[in-house]
């Protein structure tokens, strides 16, 4: 395997994949795709506790997936790169297609 590719895959796994390992973090990213939010707003819209959202935001921030900006007493979060949502949408489409193919196979065996 190409050494550059191998290093890039290692970095991808270490940072981005680890950041996306929890479905709640993915939901936070989708929520931030609609615009900047503070922790309280995210917790309310996702029906999660504020401490939980804060912990997830720290993981996303540490991996460079979200940016934090102080707005008075609050901290506002936004996506660091809109392409994250494009990548997530592609992954969701792949998952949908895979599940559809599996369902078709199950249906074929049941017939």
PDB file of N, CA and C in Angstrom:
ATOM      1  N   UNK A   1       0.849  -1.178   0.000  1.00  0.00           N
ATOM      2  CA  UNK A   1       0.000   0.000   0.000  1.00  0.00           C
ATOM      3  C   UNK A   1       0.894   1.241   0.000  1.00  0.00           C
ATOM      4  N   UNK A   2       0.471   2.244  -0.690  1.00  0.00           N
ATOM      5  CA  UNK A   2       1.160   3.523  -0.741  1.00  0.00           C
ATOM      6  C   UNK A   2       1.281   4.089   0.672  1.00  0.00           C
ATOM      7  N   UNK A   3       2.480   4.485   1.082  1.00  0.00           N
ATOM      8  CA  UNK A   3       2.724   4.979   2.451  1.00  0.00           C
ATOM      9  C   UNK A   3       1.948   6.256   2.750  1.00  0.00           C
ATOM     10  N   UNK A   4       1.818   7.123   1.764  1.00  0.00           N
ATOM     11  CA  UNK A   4       1.054   8.357   1.972  1.00  0.00           C
ATOM     12  C   UNK A   4      -0.409   8.018   2.224  1.00  0.00           C
ATOM     13  N   UNK A   5      -0.960   7.126   1.424  1.00  0.00           N
ATOM     14  CA  UNK A   5      -2.345   6.706   1.615  1.00  0.00           C
ATOM     15  C   UNK A   5      -2.521   6.062   2.984  1.00  0.00           C
ATOM     16  N   UNK A   6      -1.581   5.238   3.356  1.00  0.00           N
ATOM     17  CA  UNK A   6      -1.659   4.567   4.650  1.00  0.00           C
ATOM     18  C   UNK A   6      -1.669   5.581   5.796  1.00  0.00           C
ATOM     19  N   UNK A   7      -0.815   6.597   5.723  1.00  0.00           N
ATOM     20  CA  UNK A   7      -0.796   7.648   6.759  1.00  0.00           C
ATOM     21  C   UNK A   7      -2.112   8.417   6.782  1.00  0.00           C
ATOM     22  N   UNK A   8      -2.645   8.732   5.595  1.00  0.00           N
ATOM     23  CA  UNK A   8      -3.913   9.460   5.520  1.00  0.00           C
ATOM     24  C   UNK A   8      -5.057   8.636   6.101  1.00  0.00           C
ATOM     25  N   UNK A   9      -5.078   7.347   5.818  1.00  0.00           N
ATOM     26  CA  UNK A   9      -6.117   6.464   6.365  1.00  0.00           C
ATOM     27  C   UNK A   9      -5.983   6.388   7.882  1.00  0.00           C
ATOM     28  N   UNK A  10      -4.750   6.277   8.377  1.00  0.00           N
ATOM     29  CA  UNK A  10      -4.528   6.260   9.830  1.00  0.00           C
ATOM     30  C   UNK A  10      -5.049   7.546  10.470  1.00  0.00           C
ATOM     31  N   UNK A  11      -4.752   8.675   9.845  1.00  0.00           N
ATOM     32  CA  UNK A  11      -5.201   9.970  10.366  1.00  0.00           C
ATOM     33  C   UNK A  11      -6.721  10.071  10.310  1.00  0.00           C
ATOM     34  N   UNK A  12      -7.320   9.613   9.206  1.00  0.00           N
ATOM     35  CA  UNK A  12      -8.772   9.618   9.063  1.00  0.00           C
ATOM     36  C   UNK A  12      -9.424   8.817  10.175  1.00  0.00           C
ATOM     37  N   UNK A  13      -8.900   7.642  10.394  1.00  0.00           N
ATOM     38  CA  UNK A  13      -9.444   6.777  11.429  1.00  0.00           C
ATOM     39  C   UNK A  13      -9.280   7.404  12.801  1.00  0.00           C
ATOM     40  N   UNK A  14      -8.108   7.943  13.075  1.00  0.00           N
ATOM     41  CA  UNK A  14      -7.818   8.509  14.389  1.00  0.00           C
ATOM     42  C   UNK A  14      -8.673   9.732  14.694  1.00  0.00           C
ATOM     43  N   UNK A  15      -8.941  10.546  13.704  1.00  0.00           N
ATOM     44  CA  UNK A  15      -9.642  11.800  13.969  1.00  0.00           C
ATOM     45  C   UNK A  15     -11.107  11.770  13.548  1.00  0.00           C
ATOM     46  N   UNK A  16     -11.347  11.675  12.267  1.00  0.00           N
ATOM     47  CA  UNK A  16     -12.710  11.819  11.772  1.00  0.00           C
ATOM     48  C   UNK A  16     -13.589  10.639  12.170  1.00  0.00           C
ATOM     49  N   UNK A  17     -13.117   9.438  11.924  1.00  0.00           N
ATOM     50  CA  UNK A  17     -13.945   8.271  12.249  1.00  0.00           C
ATOM     51  C   UNK A  17     -14.230   8.194  13.742  1.00  0.00           C
ATOM     52  N   UNK A  18     -13.241   8.509  14.561  1.00  0.00           N
ATOM     53  CA  UNK A  18     -13.464   8.503  16.006  1.00  0.00           C
ATOM     54  C   UNK A  18     -14.475   9.584  16.397  1.00  0.00           C
ATOM     55  N   UNK A  19     -14.426  10.722  15.708  1.00  0.00           N
ATOM     56  CA  UNK A  19     -15.391  11.785  15.990  1.00  0.00           C
ATOM     57  C   UNK A  19     -16.809  11.403  15.622  1.00  0.00           C
ATOM     58  N   UNK A  20     -16.947  10.546  14.626  1.00  0.00           N
ATOM     59  CA  UNK A  20     -18.271  10.127  14.168  1.00  0.00           C
ATOM     60  C   UNK A  20     -18.736   8.822  14.797  1.00  0.00           C
ATOM     61  N   UNK A  21     -17.968   8.299  15.733  1.00  0.00           N
ATOM     62  CA  UNK A  21     -18.258   6.981  16.305  1.00  0.00           C
ATOM     63  C   UNK A  21     -19.530   6.943  17.142  1.00  0.00           C
ATOM     64  N   UNK A  22     -20.005   8.080  17.592  1.00  0.00           N
ATOM     65  CA  UNK A  22     -21.228   8.120  18.401  1.00  0.00           C
ATOM     66  C   UNK A  22     -22.347   8.780  17.598  1.00  0.00           C
ATOM     67  N   UNK A  23     -23.490   8.123  17.468  1.00  0.00           N
ATOM     68  CA  UNK A  23     -24.601   8.695  16.687  1.00  0.00           C
ATOM     69  C   UNK A  23     -25.060  10.070  17.193  1.00  0.00           C
ATOM     70  N   UNK A  24     -24.916  10.338  18.469  1.00  0.00           N
ATOM     71  CA  UNK A  24     -25.317  11.648  18.992  1.00  0.00           C
ATOM     72  C   UNK A  24     -24.437  12.754  18.424  1.00  0.00           C
ATOM     73  N   UNK A  25     -23.169  12.463  18.197  1.00  0.00           N
ATOM     74  CA  UNK A  25     -22.287  13.464  17.598  1.00  0.00           C
ATOM     75  C   UNK A  25     -22.697  13.736  16.154  1.00  0.00           C
ATOM     76  N   UNK A  26     -23.134  12.709  15.462  1.00  0.00           N
ATOM     77  CA  UNK A  26     -23.614  12.905  14.090  1.00  0.00           C
ATOM     78  C   UNK A  26     -24.866  13.784  14.095  1.00  0.00           C
ATOM     79  N   UNK A  27     -25.760  13.538  15.037  1.00  0.00           N
ATOM     80  CA  UNK A  27     -26.957  14.381  15.146  1.00  0.00           C
ATOM     81  C   UNK A  27     -26.588  15.830  15.452  1.00  0.00           C
ATOM     82  N   UNK A  28     -25.583  16.028  16.298  1.00  0.00           N
ATOM     83  CA  UNK A  28     -25.127  17.392  16.604  1.00  0.00           C
ATOM     84  C   UNK A  28     -24.614  18.053  15.335  1.00  0.00           C
ATOM     85  N   UNK A  29     -23.844  17.329  14.534  1.00  0.00           N
ATOM     86  CA  UNK A  29     -23.337  17.903  13.293  1.00  0.00           C
ATOM     87  C   UNK A  29     -24.477  18.292  12.351  1.00  0.00           C
ATOM     88  N   UNK A  30     -25.470  17.425  12.230  1.00  0.00           N
ATOM     89  CA  UNK A  30     -26.618  17.770  11.377  1.00  0.00           C
ATOM     90  C   UNK A  30     -27.360  18.989  11.923  1.00  0.00           C
ATOM     91  N   UNK A  31     -27.477  19.094  13.219  1.00  0.00           N
ATOM     92  CA  UNK A  31     -28.139  20.259  13.810  1.00  0.00           C
ATOM     93  C   UNK A  31     -27.338  21.526  13.513  1.00  0.00           C
ATOM     94  N   UNK A  32     -26.019  21.435  13.606  1.00  0.00           N
ATOM     95  CA  UNK A  32     -25.181  22.599  13.324  1.00  0.00           C
ATOM     96  C   UNK A  32     -25.172  22.952  11.843  1.00  0.00           C
ATOM     97  N   UNK A  33     -25.540  22.012  10.981  1.00  0.00           N
ATOM     98  CA  UNK A  33     -25.607  22.299   9.545  1.00  0.00           C
ATOM     99  C   UNK A  33     -26.678  23.341   9.242  1.00  0.00           C
ATOM    100  N   UNK A  34     -27.656  23.487  10.132  1.00  0.00           N
ATOM    101  CA  UNK A  34     -28.715  24.478   9.923  1.00  0.00           C
ATOM    102  C   UNK A  34     -28.305  25.852  10.423  1.00  0.00           C
ATOM    103  N   UNK A  35     -27.189  25.923  11.146  1.00  0.00           N
ATOM    104  CA  UNK A  35     -26.688  27.204  11.632  1.00  0.00           C
ATOM    105  C   UNK A  35     -26.036  27.059  12.991  1.00  0.00           C
ATOM    106  N   UNK A  36     -25.304  28.081  13.405  1.00  0.00           N
ATOM    107  CA  UNK A  36     -24.610  28.039  14.699  1.00  0.00           C
ATOM    108  C   UNK A  36     -25.598  27.902  15.857  1.00  0.00           C
ATOM    109  N   UNK A  37     -25.156  27.190  16.889  1.00  0.00           N
ATOM    110  CA  UNK A  37     -25.982  26.970  18.080  1.00  0.00           C
ATOM    111  C   UNK A  37     -25.079  26.968  19.316  1.00  0.00           C
ATOM    112  N   UNK A  38     -25.672  27.323  20.464  1.00  0.00           N
ATOM    113  CA  UNK A  38     -24.946  27.141  21.716  1.00  0.00           C
ATOM    114  C   UNK A  38     -25.365  25.809  22.335  1.00  0.00           C
ATOM    115  N   UNK A  39     -24.706  25.441  23.416  1.00  0.00           N
ATOM    116  CA  UNK A  39     -24.946  24.140  24.033  1.00  0.00           C
ATOM    117  C   UNK A  39     -26.398  23.989  24.462  1.00  0.00           C
ATOM    118  N   UNK A  40     -26.946  25.023  25.056  1.00  0.00           N
ATOM    119  CA  UNK A  40     -28.335  24.960  25.532  1.00  0.00           C
ATOM    120  C   UNK A  40     -29.300  24.718  24.383  1.00  0.00           C
ATOM    121  N   UNK A  41     -29.106  25.424  23.284  1.00  0.00           N
ATOM    122  CA  UNK A  41     -29.973  25.239  22.121  1.00  0.00           C
ATOM    123  C   UNK A  41     -29.856  23.829  21.559  1.00  0.00           C
ATOM    124  N   UNK A  42     -28.627  23.332  21.472  1.00  0.00           N
ATOM    125  CA  UNK A  42     -28.427  21.972  20.968  1.00  0.00           C
ATOM    126  C   UNK A  42     -29.071  20.944  21.888  1.00  0.00           C
ATOM    127  N   UNK A  43     -28.876  21.107  23.185  1.00  0.00           N
ATOM    128  CA  UNK A  43     -29.446  20.162  24.147  1.00  0.00           C
ATOM    129  C   UNK A  43     -30.968  20.142  24.031  1.00  0.00           C
ATOM    130  N   UNK A  44     -31.553  21.316  23.914  1.00  0.00           N
ATOM    131  CA  UNK A  44     -33.012  21.400  23.807  1.00  0.00           C
ATOM    132  C   UNK A  44     -33.515  20.772  22.506  1.00  0.00           C
ATOM    133  N   UNK A  45     -32.906  21.119  21.384  1.00  0.00           N
ATOM    134  CA  UNK A  45     -33.412  20.626  20.096  1.00  0.00           C
ATOM    135  C   UNK A  45     -33.186  19.127  19.924  1.00  0.00           C
ATOM    136  N   UNK A  46     -32.148  18.576  20.563  1.00  0.00           N
ATOM    137  CA  UNK A  46     -31.860  17.147  20.440  1.00  0.00           C
ATOM    138  C   UNK A  46     -32.386  16.330  21.612  1.00  0.00           C
ATOM    139  N   UNK A  47     -32.994  17.018  22.570  1.00  0.00           N
ATOM    140  CA  UNK A  47     -33.544  16.356  23.762  1.00  0.00           C
ATOM    141  C   UNK A  47     -32.462  15.541  24.494  1.00  0.00           C
ATOM    142  N   UNK A  48     -31.317  16.181  24.680  1.00  0.00           N
ATOM    143  CA  UNK A  48     -30.198  15.585  25.397  1.00  0.00           C
ATOM    144  C   UNK A  48     -29.816  16.497  26.551  1.00  0.00           C
ATOM    145  N   UNK A  49     -29.119  15.955  27.534  1.00  0.00           N
ATOM    146  CA  UNK A  49     -28.680  16.787  28.647  1.00  0.00           C
ATOM    147  C   UNK A  49     -27.564  17.724  28.189  1.00  0.00           C
ATOM    148  N   UNK A  50     -27.481  18.871  28.831  1.00  0.00           N
ATOM    149  CA  UNK A  50     -26.450  19.838  28.479  1.00  0.00           C
ATOM    150  C   UNK A  50     -25.037  19.286  28.726  1.00  0.00           C
ATOM    151  N   UNK A  51     -24.789  18.590  29.853  1.00  0.00           N
ATOM    152  CA  UNK A  51     -23.442  18.026  30.038  1.00  0.00           C
ATOM    153  C   UNK A  51     -23.061  17.015  28.949  1.00  0.00           C
ATOM    154  N   UNK A  52     -24.028  16.212  28.510  1.00  0.00           N
ATOM    155  CA  UNK A  52     -23.758  15.237  27.458  1.00  0.00           C
ATOM    156  C   UNK A  52     -23.405  15.943  26.152  1.00  0.00           C
ATOM    157  N   UNK A  53     -24.166  16.952  25.799  1.00  0.00           N
ATOM    158  CA  UNK A  53     -23.891  17.712  24.578  1.00  0.00           C
ATOM    159  C   UNK A  53     -22.520  18.379  24.678  1.00  0.00           C
ATOM    160  N   UNK A  54     -22.190  18.924  25.832  1.00  0.00           N
ATOM    161  CA  UNK A  54     -20.881  19.557  26.024  1.00  0.00           C
ATOM    162  C   UNK A  54     -19.742  18.565  25.817  1.00  0.00           C
ATOM    163  N   UNK A  55     -19.899  17.367  26.351  1.00  0.00           N
ATOM    164  CA  UNK A  55     -18.850  16.342  26.170  1.00  0.00           C
ATOM    165  C   UNK A  55     -18.688  15.975  24.701  1.00  0.00           C
ATOM    166  N   UNK A  56     -19.806  15.818  24.000  1.00  0.00           N
ATOM    167  CA  UNK A  56     -19.733  15.479  22.581  1.00  0.00           C
ATOM    168  C   UNK A  56     -19.124  16.629  21.776  1.00  0.00           C
ATOM    169  N   UNK A  57     -19.477  17.850  22.117  1.00  0.00           N
ATOM    170  CA  UNK A  57     -18.908  19.006  21.420  1.00  0.00           C
ATOM    171  C   UNK A  57     -17.396  19.088  21.625  1.00  0.00           C
ATOM    172  N   UNK A  58     -16.936  18.730  22.797  1.00  0.00           N
ATOM    173  CA  UNK A  58     -15.493  18.725  23.051  1.00  0.00           C
ATOM    174  C   UNK A  58     -14.787  17.745  22.124  1.00  0.00           C
ATOM    175  N   UNK A  59     -15.373  16.559  21.964  1.00  0.00           N
ATOM    176  CA  UNK A  59     -14.786  15.565  21.053  1.00  0.00           C
ATOM    177  C   UNK A  59     -14.754  16.124  19.627  1.00  0.00           C
ATOM    178  N   UNK A  60     -15.858  16.690  19.185  1.00  0.00           N
ATOM    179  CA  UNK A  60     -15.934  17.248  17.832  1.00  0.00           C
ATOM    180  C   UNK A  60     -14.971  18.421  17.662  1.00  0.00           C
ATOM    181  N   UNK A  61     -14.862  19.254  18.678  1.00  0.00           N
ATOM    182  CA  UNK A  61     -13.946  20.402  18.623  1.00  0.00           C
ATOM    183  C   UNK A  61     -12.490  19.931  18.590  1.00  0.00           C
ATOM    184  N   UNK A  62     -12.153  18.954  19.421  1.00  0.00           N
ATOM    185  CA  UNK A  62     -10.786  18.425  19.455  1.00  0.00           C
ATOM    186  C   UNK A  62     -10.372  17.819  18.123  1.00  0.00           C
ATOM    187  N   UNK A  63     -11.334  17.342  17.347  1.00  0.00           N
ATOM    188  CA  UNK A  63     -11.047  16.737  16.051  1.00  0.00           C
ATOM    189  C   UNK A  63     -11.208  17.717  14.891  1.00  0.00           C
ATOM    190  N   UNK A  64     -11.450  18.980  15.223  1.00  0.00           N
ATOM    191  CA  UNK A  64     -11.538  20.009  14.197  1.00  0.00           C
ATOM    192  C   UNK A  64     -12.802  19.967  13.371  1.00  0.00           C
ATOM    193  N   UNK A  65     -13.837  19.324  13.886  1.00  0.00           N
ATOM    194  CA  UNK A  65     -15.078  19.195  13.126  1.00  0.00           C
ATOM    195  C   UNK A  65     -16.050  20.339  13.403  1.00  0.00           C
ATOM    196  N   UNK A  66     -15.917  20.968  14.559  1.00  0.00           N
ATOM    197  CA  UNK A  66     -16.711  22.148  14.890  1.00  0.00           C
ATOM    198  C   UNK A  66     -15.773  23.233  15.407  1.00  0.00           C
ATOM    199  N   UNK A  67     -16.234  24.471  15.295  1.00  0.00           N
ATOM    200  CA  UNK A  67     -15.497  25.616  15.817  1.00  0.00           C
ATOM    201  C   UNK A  67     -16.352  26.281  16.887  1.00  0.00           C
ATOM    202  N   UNK A  68     -15.698  26.809  17.899  1.00  0.00           N
ATOM    203  CA  UNK A  68     -16.387  27.484  18.988  1.00  0.00           C
ATOM    204  C   UNK A  68     -16.020  28.963  18.981  1.00  0.00           C
ATOM    205  N   UNK A  69     -17.049  29.798  19.163  1.00  0.00           N
ATOM    206  CA  UNK A  69     -16.856  31.241  19.223  1.00  0.00           C
ATOM    207  C   UNK A  69     -17.620  31.775  20.423  1.00  0.00           C
ATOM    208  N   UNK A  70     -16.931  32.558  21.252  1.00  0.00           N
ATOM    209  CA  UNK A  70     -17.594  33.138  22.416  1.00  0.00           C
ATOM    210  C   UNK A  70     -18.524  34.255  21.964  1.00  0.00           C
ATOM    211  N   UNK A  71     -19.780  34.180  22.438  1.00  0.00           N
ATOM    212  CA  UNK A  71     -20.797  35.193  22.170  1.00  0.00           C
ATOM    213  C   UNK A  71     -21.298  35.688  23.524  1.00  0.00           C
ATOM    214  N   UNK A  72     -20.601  36.642  24.118  1.00  0.00           N
ATOM    215  CA  UNK A  72     -20.948  37.094  25.462  1.00  0.00           C
ATOM    216  C   UNK A  72     -20.642  36.001  26.467  1.00  0.00           C
ATOM    217  N   UNK A  73     -21.649  35.616  27.237  1.00  0.00           N
ATOM    218  CA  UNK A  73     -21.466  34.568  28.246  1.00  0.00           C
ATOM    219  C   UNK A  73     -21.543  33.169  27.648  1.00  0.00           C
ATOM    220  N   UNK A  74     -22.094  33.058  26.453  1.00  0.00           N
ATOM    221  CA  UNK A  74     -22.285  31.739  25.826  1.00  0.00           C
ATOM    222  C   UNK A  74     -21.191  31.463  24.801  1.00  0.00           C
ATOM    223  N   UNK A  75     -21.061  30.200  24.458  1.00  0.00           N
ATOM    224  CA  UNK A  75     -20.156  29.780  23.386  1.00  0.00           C
ATOM    225  C   UNK A  75     -21.026  29.223  22.269  1.00  0.00           C
ATOM    226  N   UNK A  76     -20.818  29.732  21.076  1.00  0.00           N
ATOM    227  CA  UNK A  76     -21.598  29.299  19.923  1.00  0.00           C
ATOM    228  C   UNK A  76     -20.738  28.355  19.078  1.00  0.00           C
ATOM    229  N   UNK A  77     -21.348  27.267  18.641  1.00  0.00           N
ATOM    230  CA  UNK A  77     -20.652  26.249  17.857  1.00  0.00           C
ATOM    231  C   UNK A  77     -21.170  26.267  16.435  1.00  0.00           C
ATOM    232  N   UNK A  78     -20.261  25.988  15.509  1.00  0.00           N
ATOM    233  CA  UNK A  78     -20.649  25.866  14.102  1.00  0.00           C
ATOM    234  C   UNK A  78     -19.773  24.821  13.442  1.00  0.00           C
ATOM    235  N   UNK A  79     -20.253  24.314  12.325  1.00  0.00           N
ATOM    236  CA  UNK A  79     -19.471  23.340  11.563  1.00  0.00           C
ATOM    237  C   UNK A  79     -18.171  23.973  11.104  1.00  0.00           C
ATOM    238  N   UNK A  80     -17.098  23.226  11.186  1.00  0.00           N
ATOM    239  CA  UNK A  80     -15.821  23.714  10.691  1.00  0.00           C
ATOM    240  C   UNK A  80     -15.741  23.586   9.173  1.00  0.00           C
ATOM    241  N   UNK A  81     -16.491  22.632   8.627  1.00  0.00           N
ATOM    242  CA  UNK A  81     -16.444  22.389   7.183  1.00  0.00           C
ATOM    243  C   UNK A  81     -17.763  21.754   6.758  1.00  0.00           C
ATOM    244  N   UNK A  82     -18.473  22.421   5.870  1.00  0.00           N
ATOM    245  CA  UNK A  82     -19.783  21.926   5.393  1.00  0.00           C
ATOM    246  C   UNK A  82     -19.667  20.574   4.681  1.00  0.00           C
ATOM    247  N   UNK A  83     -18.479  20.230   4.208  1.00  0.00           N
ATOM    248  CA  UNK A  83     -18.305  18.955   3.515  1.00  0.00           C
ATOM    249  C   UNK A  83     -18.533  17.767   4.439  1.00  0.00           C
ATOM    250  N   UNK A  84     -18.445  17.985   5.753  1.00  0.00           N
ATOM    251  CA  UNK A  84     -18.753  16.903   6.691  1.00  0.00           C
ATOM    252  C   UNK A  84     -20.169  16.389   6.470  1.00  0.00           C
ATOM    253  N   UNK A  85     -21.104  17.298   6.261  1.00  0.00           N
ATOM    254  CA  UNK A  85     -22.500  16.906   6.046  1.00  0.00           C
ATOM    255  C   UNK A  85     -22.634  16.189   4.710  1.00  0.00           C
ATOM    256  N   UNK A  86     -21.932  16.663   3.691  1.00  0.00           N
ATOM    257  CA  UNK A  86     -21.952  15.977   2.394  1.00  0.00           C
ATOM    258  C   UNK A  86     -21.432  14.549   2.549  1.00  0.00           C
ATOM    259  N   UNK A  87     -20.348  14.389   3.304  1.00  0.00           N
ATOM    260  CA  UNK A  87     -19.790  13.053   3.528  1.00  0.00           C
ATOM    261  C   UNK A  87     -20.771  12.183   4.304  1.00  0.00           C
ATOM    262  N   UNK A  88     -21.401  12.741   5.315  1.00  0.00           N
ATOM    263  CA  UNK A  88     -22.384  11.981   6.092  1.00  0.00           C
ATOM    264  C   UNK A  88     -23.575  11.584   5.221  1.00  0.00           C
ATOM    265  N   UNK A  89     -24.013  12.481   4.358  1.00  0.00           N
ATOM    266  CA  UNK A  89     -25.121  12.166   3.452  1.00  0.00           C
ATOM    267  C   UNK A  89     -24.758  11.022   2.509  1.00  0.00           C
ATOM    268  N   UNK A  90     -23.519  11.024   2.014  1.00  0.00           N
ATOM    269  CA  UNK A  90     -23.071   9.930   1.144  1.00  0.00           C
ATOM    270  C   UNK A  90     -23.043   8.627   1.924  1.00  0.00           C
ATOM    271  N   UNK A  91     -22.514   8.652   3.136  1.00  0.00           N
ATOM    272  CA  UNK A  91     -22.474   7.443   3.960  1.00  0.00           C
ATOM    273  C   UNK A  91     -23.879   6.932   4.267  1.00  0.00           C
ATOM    274  N   UNK A  92     -24.805   7.849   4.521  1.00  0.00           N
ATOM    275  CA  UNK A  92     -26.193   7.442   4.769  1.00  0.00           C
ATOM    276  C   UNK A  92     -26.795   6.805   3.525  1.00  0.00           C
ATOM    277  N   UNK A  93     -26.495   7.338   2.349  1.00  0.00           N
ATOM    278  CA  UNK A  93     -27.001   6.764   1.092  1.00  0.00           C
ATOM    279  C   UNK A  93     -26.429   5.366   0.873  1.00  0.00           C
ATOM    280  N   UNK A  94     -25.149   5.191   1.169  1.00  0.00           N
ATOM    281  CA  UNK A  94     -24.525   3.867   1.043  1.00  0.00           C
ATOM    282  C   UNK A  94     -25.206   2.896   1.997  1.00  0.00           C
ATOM    283  N   UNK A  95     -25.422   3.318   3.235  1.00  0.00           N
ATOM    284  CA  UNK A  95     -26.089   2.461   4.219  1.00  0.00           C
ATOM    285  C   UNK A  95     -27.501   2.106   3.761  1.00  0.00           C
ATOM    286  N   UNK A  96     -28.232   3.088   3.244  1.00  0.00           N
ATOM    287  CA  UNK A  96     -29.587   2.843   2.747  1.00  0.00           C
ATOM    288  C   UNK A  96     -29.583   1.800   1.640  1.00  0.00           C
ATOM    289  N   UNK A  97     -28.672   1.964   0.686  1.00  0.00           N
ATOM    290  CA  UNK A  97     -28.595   1.018  -0.432  1.00  0.00           C
ATOM    291  C   UNK A  97     -28.217  -0.378   0.048  1.00  0.00           C
ATOM    292  N   UNK A  98     -27.289  -0.452   0.976  1.00  0.00           N
ATOM    293  CA  UNK A  98     -26.873  -1.753   1.520  1.00  0.00           C
ATOM    294  C   UNK A  98     -28.036  -2.438   2.219  1.00  0.00           C
ATOM    295  N   UNK A  99     -28.759  -1.683   3.038  1.00  0.00           N
ATOM    296  CA  UNK A  99     -29.908  -2.259   3.742  1.00  0.00           C
ATOM    297  C   UNK A  99     -31.007  -2.677   2.764  1.00  0.00           C
ATOM    298  N   UNK A 100     -31.194  -1.900   1.699  1.00  0.00           N
ATOM    299  CA  UNK A 100     -32.195  -2.257   0.686  1.00  0.00           C
ATOM    300  C   UNK A 100     -31.834  -3.556  -0.014  1.00  0.00           C
ATOM    301  N   UNK A 101     -30.557  -3.705  -0.361  1.00  0.00           N
ATOM    302  CA  UNK A 101     -30.114  -4.949  -1.004  1.00  0.00           C
ATOM    303  C   UNK A 101     -30.305  -6.140  -0.072  1.00  0.00           C
ATOM    304  N   UNK A 102     -29.998  -5.970   1.190  1.00  0.00           N
ATOM    305  CA  UNK A 102     -30.187  -7.055   2.159  1.00  0.00           C
ATOM    306  C   UNK A 102     -31.659  -7.415   2.290  1.00  0.00           C
ATOM    307  N   UNK A 103     -32.514  -6.394   2.301  1.00  0.00           N
ATOM    308  CA  UNK A 103     -33.949  -6.658   2.392  1.00  0.00           C
ATOM    309  C   UNK A 103     -34.438  -7.401   1.164  1.00  0.00           C
ATOM    310  N   UNK A 104     -33.918  -7.058   0.006  1.00  0.00           N
ATOM    311  CA  UNK A 104     -34.299  -7.762  -1.224  1.00  0.00           C
ATOM    312  C   UNK A 104     -33.862  -9.216  -1.177  1.00  0.00           C
ATOM    313  N   UNK A 105     -32.681  -9.482  -0.637  1.00  0.00           N
ATOM    314  CA  UNK A 105     -32.200 -10.865  -0.501  1.00  0.00           C
ATOM    315  C   UNK A 105     -33.092 -11.666   0.454  1.00  0.00           C
ATOM    316  N   UNK A 106     -33.471 -11.057   1.554  1.00  0.00           N
ATOM    317  CA  UNK A 106     -34.348 -11.726   2.509  1.00  0.00           C
ATOM    318  C   UNK A 106     -35.692 -12.021   1.843  1.00  0.00           C
ATOM    319  N   UNK A 107     -36.220 -11.056   1.117  1.00  0.00           N
ATOM    320  CA  UNK A 107     -37.490 -11.249   0.433  1.00  0.00           C
ATOM    321  C   UNK A 107     -37.407 -12.368  -0.604  1.00  0.00           C
ATOM    322  N   UNK A 108     -36.296 -12.451  -1.301  1.00  0.00           N
ATOM    323  CA  UNK A 108     -36.111 -13.484  -2.313  1.00  0.00           C
ATOM    324  C   UNK A 108     -36.106 -14.868  -1.686  1.00  0.00           C
ATOM    325  N   UNK A 109     -35.516 -15.001  -0.504  1.00  0.00           N
ATOM    326  CA  UNK A 109     -35.478 -16.294   0.171  1.00  0.00           C
ATOM    327  C   UNK A 109     -36.822 -16.668   0.786  1.00  0.00           C
ATOM    328  N   UNK A 110     -37.619 -15.670   1.131  1.00  0.00           N
ATOM    329  CA  UNK A 110     -38.933 -15.922   1.735  1.00  0.00           C
ATOM    330  C   UNK A 110     -39.963 -16.298   0.693  1.00  0.00           C
ATOM    331  N   UNK A 111     -39.716 -15.923  -0.555  1.00  0.00           N
ATOM    332  CA  UNK A 111     -40.707 -16.178  -1.620  1.00  0.00           C
ATOM    333  C   UNK A 111     -40.767 -17.636  -2.021  1.00  0.00           C
TER     334      UNK A 111
END
